[in-house]
C-alpha atoms as a PDB file:
ATOM      1  CA  MET A   1      13.210  28.514  18.079  1.00  0.00           C
ATOM      2  CA  SER A   2      14.838  27.324  21.279  1.00  0.00           C
ATOM      3  CA  GLU A   3      17.088  24.288  21.328  1.00  0.00           C
ATOM      4  CA  LEU A   4      14.464  22.356  23.310  1.00  0.00           C
ATOM      5  CA  ALA A   5      11.660  23.306  20.899  1.00  0.00           C
ATOM      6  CA  GLU A   6      13.844  22.309  17.946  1.00  0.00           C
ATOM      7  CA  LEU A   7      14.571  18.939  19.558  1.00  0.00           C
ATOM      8  CA  GLN A   8      10.877  18.390  20.298  1.00  0.00           C
ATOM      9  CA  ALA A   9      10.019  19.193  16.664  1.00  0.00           C
ATOM     10  CA  ARG A  10      12.619  16.713  15.415  1.00  0.00           C
ATOM     11  CA  VAL A  11      11.328  13.973  17.722  1.00  0.00           C
ATOM     12  CA  GLN A  12       7.759  14.687  16.581  1.00  0.00           C
ATOM     13  CA  ALA A  13       8.834  14.401  12.928  1.00  0.00           C
ATOM     14  CA  PHE A  14      10.388  10.974  13.661  1.00  0.00           C
ATOM     15  CA  GLU A  15       7.224   9.846  15.464  1.00  0.00           C
ATOM     16  CA  ASP A  16       5.117  11.060  12.527  1.00  0.00           C
ATOM     17  CA  GLN A  17       7.319   9.198  10.043  1.00  0.00           C
ATOM     18  CA  GLN A  18       6.957   6.040  12.129  1.00  0.00           C
ATOM     19  CA  ALA A  19       3.158   6.386  12.292  1.00  0.00           C
ATOM     20  CA  ILE A  20       2.983   6.943   8.530  1.00  0.00           C
ATOM     21  CA  GLY A  21       5.104   3.825   7.972  1.00  0.00           C
ATOM     22  CA  VAL A  22       2.718   1.852  10.199  1.00  0.00           C
ATOM     23  CA  CYS A  23      -0.263   3.162   8.176  1.00  0.00           C
ATOM     24  CA  ILE A  24       1.131   2.149   4.767  1.00  0.00           C
ATOM     25  CA  ASN A  25       2.357  -1.204   6.075  1.00  0.00           C
ATOM     26  CA  ARG A  26      -1.073  -1.976   7.552  1.00  0.00           C
ATOM     27  CA  TYR A  27      -2.618  -1.058   4.190  1.00  0.00           C
ATOM     28  CA  MET A  28      -0.285  -3.486   2.389  1.00  0.00           C
ATOM     29  CA  ALA A  29      -0.920  -6.263   4.935  1.00  0.00           C
ATOM     30  CA  LEU A  30      -4.672  -5.878   4.454  1.00  0.00           C
ATOM     31  CA  CYS A  31      -4.260  -5.853   0.655  1.00  0.00           C
ATOM     32  CA  ASP A  32      -2.149  -9.017   0.877  1.00  0.00           C
ATOM     33  CA  ALA A  33      -5.054 -10.862   2.524  1.00  0.00           C
ATOM     34  CA  LEU A  34      -8.089  -9.488   0.664  1.00  0.00           C
ATOM     35  CA  ASP A  35     -10.942 -11.955   0.810  1.00  0.00           C
ATOM     36  CA  ALA A  36     -14.562 -12.147   1.908  1.00  0.00           C
ATOM     37  CA  ASP A  37     -13.557 -11.838   5.583  1.00  0.00           C
ATOM     38  CA  SER A  38     -11.255  -8.830   5.246  1.00  0.00           C
ATOM     39  CA  PRO A  39     -11.897  -5.948   7.688  1.00  0.00           C
ATOM     40  CA  LEU A  40     -13.220  -3.510   5.088  1.00  0.00           C
ATOM     41  CA  ASP A  41     -13.981  -0.779   7.633  1.00  0.00           C
ATOM     42  CA  GLU A  42     -10.395  -0.883   8.906  1.00  0.00           C
ATOM     43  CA  LEU A  43      -9.025  -0.747   5.352  1.00  0.00           C
ATOM     44  CA  ALA A  44     -11.265   2.190   4.404  1.00  0.00           C
ATOM     45  CA  GLY A  45     -10.405   3.887   7.704  1.00  0.00           C
ATOM     46  CA  LEU A  46      -6.782   4.214   6.586  1.00  0.00           C
ATOM     47  CA  PHE A  47      -8.002   6.937   4.193  1.00  0.00           C
ATOM     48  CA  THR A  48      -9.315  10.431   4.899  1.00  0.00           C
ATOM     49  CA  GLU A  49     -13.009  11.098   4.202  1.00  0.00           C
ATOM     50  CA  ASP A  50     -12.150  13.032   1.008  1.00  0.00           C
ATOM     51  CA  ALA A  51      -9.229  10.821  -0.088  1.00  0.00           C
ATOM     52  CA  ARG A  52      -8.317  10.097  -3.684  1.00  0.00           C
ATOM     53  CA  TRP A  53      -6.994   6.701  -4.844  1.00  0.00           C
ATOM     54  CA  GLU A  54      -5.688   6.556  -8.395  1.00  0.00           C
ATOM     55  CA  GLY A  55      -3.809   4.431 -10.839  1.00  0.00           C
ATOM     56  CA  LYS A  56      -1.335   6.547 -12.828  1.00  0.00           C
ATOM     57  CA  GLY A  57       0.142   5.971 -16.257  1.00  0.00           C
ATOM     58  CA  ALA A  58      -1.427   4.111 -19.161  1.00  0.00           C
ATOM     59  CA  ARG A  59      -1.489   0.636 -17.607  1.00  0.00           C
ATOM     60  CA  TYR A  60      -2.711   1.466 -14.076  1.00  0.00           C
ATOM     61  CA  ALA A  61      -5.051   4.302 -15.082  1.00  0.00           C
ATOM     62  CA  GLU A  62      -6.817   1.880 -17.425  1.00  0.00           C
ATOM     63  CA  SER A  63      -6.765  -1.115 -15.065  1.00  0.00           C
ATOM     64  CA  PHE A  64      -7.612   0.613 -11.793  1.00  0.00           C
ATOM     65  CA  GLY A  65      -8.944   4.067 -12.631  1.00  0.00           C
ATOM     66  CA  GLY A  66      -9.497   6.513  -9.811  1.00  0.00           C
ATOM     67  CA  TYR A  67     -11.791   6.920  -6.821  1.00  0.00           C
ATOM     68  CA  VAL A  68     -12.668  10.006  -4.796  1.00  0.00           C
ATOM     69  CA  GLY A  69     -13.879   9.779  -1.223  1.00  0.00           C
ATOM     70  CA  ARG A  70     -13.520   7.093   1.418  1.00  0.00           C
ATOM     71  CA  ASP A  71     -16.861   5.520   0.448  1.00  0.00           C
ATOM     72  CA  ALA A  72     -15.798   5.141  -3.207  1.00  0.00           C
ATOM     73  CA  ILE A  73     -12.436   3.661  -2.162  1.00  0.00           C
ATOM     74  CA  ARG A  74     -14.245   1.307   0.213  1.00  0.00           C
ATOM     75  CA  ALA A  75     -16.577   0.200  -2.620  1.00  0.00           C
ATOM     76  CA  MET A  76     -13.579  -0.468  -4.901  1.00  0.00           C
ATOM     77  CA  PHE A  77     -11.967  -2.718  -2.295  1.00  0.00           C
ATOM     78  CA  ALA A  78     -15.304  -4.447  -1.651  1.00  0.00           C
ATOM     79  CA  THR A  79     -15.134  -5.853  -5.201  1.00  0.00           C
ATOM     80  CA  TYR A  80     -12.099  -7.913  -4.107  1.00  0.00           C
ATOM     81  CA  MET A  81     -13.885  -9.329  -1.064  1.00  0.00           C
ATOM     82  CA  ARG A  82     -15.435 -12.470  -2.382  1.00  0.00           C
ATOM     83  CA  THR A  83     -15.301 -16.232  -2.252  1.00  0.00           C
ATOM     84  CA  PRO A  84     -13.178 -17.628  -3.719  1.00  0.00           C
ATOM     85  CA  ALA A  85     -10.687 -14.843  -3.058  1.00  0.00           C
ATOM     86  CA  HIS A  86      -9.360 -12.978  -6.100  1.00  0.00           C
ATOM     87  CA  PHE A  87      -5.811 -13.633  -4.873  1.00  0.00           C
ATOM     88  CA  ALA A  88      -4.593 -17.098  -3.916  1.00  0.00           C
ATOM     89  CA  LEU A  89      -1.299 -15.413  -2.971  1.00  0.00           C
ATOM     90  CA  ASN A  90      -0.546 -11.700  -2.811  1.00  0.00           C
ATOM     91  CA  VAL A  91       2.578 -10.134  -1.329  1.00  0.00           C
ATOM     92  CA  HIS A  92       3.590  -6.469  -1.495  1.00  0.00           C
ATOM     93  CA  PHE A  93       7.208  -5.472  -0.867  1.00  0.00           C
ATOM     94  CA  LEU A  94       7.970  -1.800  -0.159  1.00  0.00           C
ATOM     95  CA  THR A  95      11.418  -0.257  -0.565  1.00  0.00           C
ATOM     96  CA  SER A  96      13.189   3.065  -1.148  1.00  0.00           C
ATOM     97  CA  GLU A  97      11.037   4.776   1.469  1.00  0.00           C
ATOM     98  CA  VAL A  98      11.115   8.556   1.682  1.00  0.00           C
ATOM     99  CA  ILE A  99       8.709  10.279   4.079  1.00  0.00           C
ATOM    100  CA  ASP A 100       8.715  14.081   4.244  1.00  0.00           C
ATOM    101  CA  VAL A 101       6.704  15.565   7.106  1.00  0.00           C
ATOM    102  CA  VAL A 102       5.668  18.893   5.598  1.00  0.00           C
ATOM    103  CA  SER A 103       3.702  20.177   8.595  1.00  0.00           C
ATOM    104  CA  ALA A 104       1.936  18.925  11.712  1.00  0.00           C
ATOM    105  CA  GLU A 105      -0.999  17.850   9.483  1.00  0.00           C
ATOM    106  CA  ARG A 106       0.599  17.011   6.108  1.00  0.00           C
ATOM    107  CA  ALA A 107       3.238  14.564   4.860  1.00  0.00           C
ATOM    108  CA  GLN A 108       4.380  13.071   1.577  1.00  0.00           C
ATOM    109  CA  GLY A 109       5.578   9.484   1.216  1.00  0.00           C
ATOM    110  CA  ARG A 110       7.224   7.751  -1.726  1.00  0.00           C
ATOM    111  CA  TRP A 111       8.047   4.087  -2.165  1.00  0.00           C
ATOM    112  CA  LEU A 112       8.926   1.561  -4.820  1.00  0.00           C
ATOM    113  CA  MET A 113       6.661  -1.459  -4.593  1.00  0.00           C
ATOM    114  CA  LEU A 114       7.036  -4.987  -5.906  1.00  0.00           C
ATOM    115  CA  GLN A 115       3.890  -7.119  -5.933  1.00  0.00           C
ATOM    116  CA  THR A 116       3.873 -10.870  -6.477  1.00  0.00           C
ATOM    117  CA  SER A 117       0.426 -12.338  -7.042  1.00  0.00           C
ATOM    118  CA  THR A 118      -1.190 -15.642  -7.891  1.00  0.00           C
ATOM    119  CA  PHE A 119      -4.854 -15.376  -8.757  1.00  0.00           C
ATOM    120  CA  ALA A 120      -7.711 -17.742  -7.968  1.00  0.00           C
ATOM    121  CA  ASP A 121      -7.692 -18.856 -11.621  1.00  0.00           C
ATOM    122  CA  GLY A 122      -4.052 -20.028 -11.210  1.00  0.00           C
ATOM    123  CA  GLY A 123      -2.257 -17.298 -13.170  1.00  0.00           C
ATOM    124  CA  SER A 124       0.606 -15.405 -11.537  1.00  0.00           C
ATOM    125  CA  HIS A 125       1.891 -11.888 -12.085  1.00  0.00           C
ATOM    126  CA  LEU A 126       4.807  -9.669 -11.111  1.00  0.00           C
ATOM    127  CA  ASN A 127       4.259  -5.907 -10.880  1.00  0.00           C
ATOM    128  CA  ALA A 128       6.527  -3.055  -9.893  1.00  0.00           C
ATOM    129  CA  ALA A 129       5.102   0.370  -9.146  1.00  0.00           C
ATOM    130  CA  ARG A 130       6.030   3.773  -7.832  1.00  0.00           C
ATOM    131  CA  LEU A 131       3.816   4.919  -4.943  1.00  0.00           C
ATOM    132  CA  ASP A 132       3.384   8.616  -4.205  1.00  0.00           C
ATOM    133  CA  ILE A 133       1.083   9.176  -1.238  1.00  0.00           C
ATOM    134  CA  THR A 134      -0.022  12.329   0.528  1.00  0.00           C
ATOM    135  CA  PHE A 135      -0.913  11.791   4.184  1.00  0.00           C
ATOM    136  CA  ALA A 136      -3.067  13.982   6.416  1.00  0.00           C
ATOM    137  CA  LYS A 137      -3.294  13.889  10.192  1.00  0.00           C
ATOM    138  CA  HIS A 138      -6.874  13.872  11.516  1.00  0.00           C
ATOM    139  CA  ASP A 139      -7.879  13.266  15.107  1.00  0.00           C
ATOM    140  CA  GLY A 140      -4.301  12.375  15.984  1.00  0.00           C
ATOM    141  CA  HIS A 141      -4.004   9.660  13.281  1.00  0.00           C
ATOM    142  CA  TRP A 142      -2.153   9.758   9.979  1.00  0.00           C
ATOM    143  CA  ARG A 143      -4.337   8.656   7.058  1.00  0.00           C
ATOM    144  CA  MET A 144      -3.858   8.519   3.311  1.00  0.00           C
ATOM    145  CA  ALA A 145      -5.311  11.576   1.560  1.00  0.00           C
ATOM    146  CA  HIS A 146      -4.067  10.963  -1.986  1.00  0.00           C
ATOM    147  CA  PHE A 147      -2.801   7.526  -3.011  1.00  0.00           C
ATOM    148  CA  GLN A 148      -1.121   7.295  -6.416  1.00  0.00           C
ATOM    149  CA  THR A 149       0.308   4.101  -7.877  1.00  0.00           C
ATOM    150  CA  GLU A 150       2.159   4.139 -11.194  1.00  0.00           C
ATOM    151  CA  ASN A 151       3.216   0.942 -12.938  1.00  0.00           C
ATOM    152  CA  LEU A 152       6.899   0.574 -13.758  1.00  0.00           C
ATOM    153  CA  PHE A 153       6.609  -2.916 -15.236  1.00  0.00           C
ATOM    154  CA  SER A 154       4.254  -5.889 -15.236  1.00  0.00           C
ATOM    155  CA  ARG A 155       4.545  -9.415 -16.508  1.00  0.00           C
ATOM    156  CA  PRO A 156       2.860 -12.759 -16.141  1.00  0.00           C
ATOM    157  CA  THR A 157       5.039 -15.436 -14.601  1.00  0.00           C
ATOM    158  CA  SER A 158       4.852 -19.052 -13.514  1.00  0.00           C
ATOM    159  CA  ALA A 159       3.528 -19.968 -10.060  1.00  0.00           C
ATOM    160  CA  TRP A 160       5.411 -18.431  -7.121  1.00  0.00           C
ATOM    161  CA  ASN A 161       5.296 -21.240  -4.611  1.00  0.00           C
ATOM    162  CA  ASP A 162       7.145 -24.089  -6.288  1.00  0.00           C
ATOM    163  CA  GLN A 163       7.680 -27.223  -4.169  1.00  0.00           C
ATOM    164  CA  ALA A 164      11.212 -27.781  -5.544  1.00  0.00           C
ATOM    165  CA  PRO A 165      13.811 -28.193  -2.794  1.00  0.00           C
ATOM    166  CA  LEU A 166      15.753 -25.091  -1.819  1.00  0.00           C
ATOM    167  CA  PRO A 167      19.417 -25.162  -2.860  1.00  0.00           C
ATOM    168  CA  VAL A 168      21.390 -25.311   0.397  1.00  0.00           C
ATOM    169  CA  PRO A 169      25.186 -25.813   0.500  1.00  0.00           C
ATOM    170  CA  GLY A 170      26.136 -29.338   1.591  1.00  0.00           C
ATOM    171  CA  GLN A 171      22.710 -30.818   0.781  1.00  0.00           C
ATOM    172  CA  ARG A 172      21.498 -32.468  -2.373  1.00  0.00           C
END
């Protein structure tokens, strides 16, 4: 491989990693705002036609199960799109990102995720999970082909948005 071809391949890998990061971050942003007005077609479009979405491990396999095909994944998310919204507050934090571009059409991404949620019924929950996601490039766009989420820990907690003043030096 020539020096120029090697450089072009490296730049392409960086561009692919960036596009994959945009895909997973858009997914999380849409999940953070799931309600009756969510753009379900956009959310489902982040997955390949034959994608798999699955909860791994005892807790998430039982709670979420698994879905095969974009239509089944779309139907699963449709259950969250109601009034009142299932989540009064939902925030996903991604960290420890590793994206391996395996080929021009395949990549593997891994993240640790922290999710803070308050539900419509007033309860709040803290979850941490390991995400392992296979991406496939179709029609020039990276999409999720196999989404796996495995719970690391979960616990109920008190409400997230307390109105208590923030402790700031020099202020009471």
